[in-house]
Amino acid sequence: MLAPPKRVSGRREYGREHANSLKLLLAAQRAGFTLAETRSLFALFSDERHASERWRGMAREKIVELDATIAHLRGARRTLRNALDCACAGDADSCKLVAVLPASKKRLQAGSKRWR
C-alpha cells in the first residue's frame, strides 16, 4: 500500500509523502476501515479527479455499517446486563434472557432443534 522508501547509503529515507500516507493509513484505521477498504481509499487518492466524491461515498457506507454494528453491540450489552440478574440455572421458562426474545424464537418445534 505504501511505496517503499528510497535508500541512501543503505538507509531508508522517508519523505513527506510517506508521512502523509502513514497519517492517512492511521486515520482510515481509526475510522474503522478494513485493510482492504484502506487499499481502495489509497487507490482513490491516486486518481484525484473523482477522489473526493468517491471518498464521501465510502465514508457514508462505513457510517451505515458502523451504525448497524453499534446497534448490535447495544443489544448485546442489554442482554449481558439482563444476564447479570438472571438466576435461572439454564431453565428456559424462567430465564430473563429468553424472556426478551421475540415470541417466535422462544418456542422450539416439537421434536426439532429448529426455531419456529
Protein backbone atom coordinates (compact mmCIF):
# COMPACT_ATOMS: atom_id res chain seq x y z
CA MET A 1 0.00 0.00 0.00
CA LEU A 2 2.82 2.39 0.84
CA ALA A 3 5.60 2.72 -1.71
CA PRO A 4 8.93 1.57 -0.33
CA PRO A 5 11.23 4.47 0.52
CA LYS A 6 14.39 5.07 -1.42
CA ARG A 7 17.68 4.03 0.15
CA VAL A 8 20.56 6.36 0.64
CA SER A 9 23.82 4.76 1.79
CA GLY A 10 21.89 1.64 2.77
CA ARG A 11 19.41 3.55 4.94
CA ARG A 12 15.77 4.11 4.19
CA GLU A 13 14.90 7.72 3.61
CA TYR A 14 11.31 8.65 4.32
CA GLY A 15 9.92 11.79 2.76
CA ARG A 16 6.89 13.95 3.33
CA GLU A 17 4.73 11.72 1.10
CA HIS A 18 5.48 8.73 3.35
CA ALA A 19 4.45 10.70 6.43
CA ASN A 20 1.24 11.83 4.72
CA SER A 21 0.44 8.29 3.60
CA LEU A 22 1.03 6.97 7.10
CA LYS A 23 -1.26 9.64 8.54
CA LEU A 24 -3.98 8.66 6.05
CA LEU A 25 -3.50 4.99 6.89
CA LEU A 26 -3.87 5.68 10.63
CA ALA A 27 -6.92 7.90 10.04
CA ALA A 28 -8.58 5.16 7.97
CA GLN A 29 -7.85 2.62 10.71
CA ARG A 30 -9.32 4.94 13.36
CA ALA A 31 -12.42 5.40 11.18
CA GLY A 32 -12.98 1.63 11.14
CA PHE A 33 -11.92 0.84 7.60
CA THR A 34 -10.51 -2.62 6.97
CA LEU A 35 -7.15 -3.09 5.31
CA ALA A 36 -8.85 -3.95 2.00
CA GLU A 37 -11.02 -0.82 2.26
CA THR A 38 -7.94 1.24 3.07
CA ARG A 39 -6.25 -0.09 -0.07
CA SER A 40 -9.29 1.10 -2.03
CA LEU A 41 -9.01 4.50 -0.39
CA PHE A 42 -5.36 4.78 -1.42
CA ALA A 43 -6.31 3.80 -4.95
CA LEU A 44 -8.91 6.58 -4.92
CA PHE A 45 -6.35 9.16 -3.91
CA SER A 46 -4.09 8.18 -6.81
CA ASP A 47 -6.86 9.35 -9.19
CA GLU A 48 -7.54 12.85 -7.92
CA ARG A 49 -10.28 13.60 -10.46
CA HIS A 50 -13.05 11.88 -8.51
CA ALA A 51 -11.32 11.00 -5.24
CA SER A 52 -13.26 13.41 -3.05
CA GLU A 53 -16.65 12.26 -4.35
CA ARG A 54 -15.80 8.55 -4.02
CA TRP A 55 -14.25 9.12 -0.58
CA ARG A 56 -17.54 10.62 0.63
CA GLY A 57 -19.42 7.60 -0.74
CA MET A 58 -17.14 5.17 1.08
CA ALA A 59 -17.43 7.24 4.26
CA ARG A 60 -21.26 7.20 4.05
CA GLU A 61 -21.24 3.41 3.56
CA LYS A 62 -18.91 2.96 6.54
CA ILE A 63 -21.18 5.13 8.72
CA VAL A 64 -24.17 2.91 7.87
CA GLU A 65 -22.09 -0.18 8.67
CA LEU A 66 -20.86 1.30 11.96
CA ASP A 67 -24.40 2.33 12.97
CA ALA A 68 -25.56 -1.28 12.45
CA THR A 69 -22.62 -2.59 14.46
CA ILE A 70 -23.31 -0.11 17.27
CA ALA A 71 -26.99 -1.15 17.38
CA HIS A 72 -25.96 -4.81 17.55
CA LEU A 73 -23.44 -4.14 20.33
CA ARG A 74 -26.00 -2.14 22.34
CA GLY A 75 -28.35 -5.12 22.12
CA ALA A 76 -25.57 -7.45 23.23
CA ARG A 77 -24.82 -5.18 26.19
CA ARG A 78 -28.53 -5.15 27.18
CA THR A 79 -28.59 -8.94 27.00
CA LEU A 80 -25.49 -9.23 29.18
CA ARG A 81 -26.89 -6.77 31.72
CA ASN A 82 -30.04 -8.90 31.92
CA ALA A 83 -27.86 -11.97 32.32
CA LEU A 84 -26.27 -10.45 35.43
CA ASP A 85 -29.69 -10.54 37.14
CA CYS A 86 -30.65 -13.98 35.86
CA ALA A 87 -30.59 -16.92 38.27
CA CYS A 88 -32.39 -19.45 36.08
CA ALA A 89 -29.57 -22.05 36.04
CA GLY A 90 -30.41 -22.92 32.44
CA ASP A 91 -34.20 -23.21 32.85
CA ALA A 92 -35.55 -21.54 29.70
CA ASP A 93 -39.02 -20.99 31.19
CA SER A 94 -37.69 -18.74 33.95
CA CYS A 95 -34.71 -17.28 32.08
CA LYS A 96 -34.66 -13.48 31.73
CA LEU A 97 -32.57 -13.84 28.58
CA VAL A 98 -35.21 -15.97 26.89
CA ALA A 99 -37.95 -13.60 28.08
CA VAL A 100 -36.58 -10.79 25.88
CA LEU A 101 -36.60 -12.93 22.72
CA PRO A 102 -39.45 -12.47 20.23
CA ALA A 103 -42.24 -14.99 20.88
CA SER A 104 -41.49 -16.83 17.62
CA LYS A 105 -37.95 -17.62 18.80
CA LYS A 106 -38.94 -18.84 22.27
CA ARG A 107 -40.65 -22.00 21.16
CA LEU A 108 -38.85 -24.90 19.59
CA GLN A 109 -40.77 -27.06 17.21
CA ALA A 110 -41.77 -30.29 18.90
CA GLY A 111 -39.07 -32.90 18.44
CA SER A 112 -36.87 -30.49 16.49
CA LYS A 113 -33.87 -28.36 17.31
CA ARG A 114 -35.02 -25.68 14.86
CA TRP A 115 -36.69 -22.43 15.90
CA ARG A 116 -40.28 -21.87 14.79
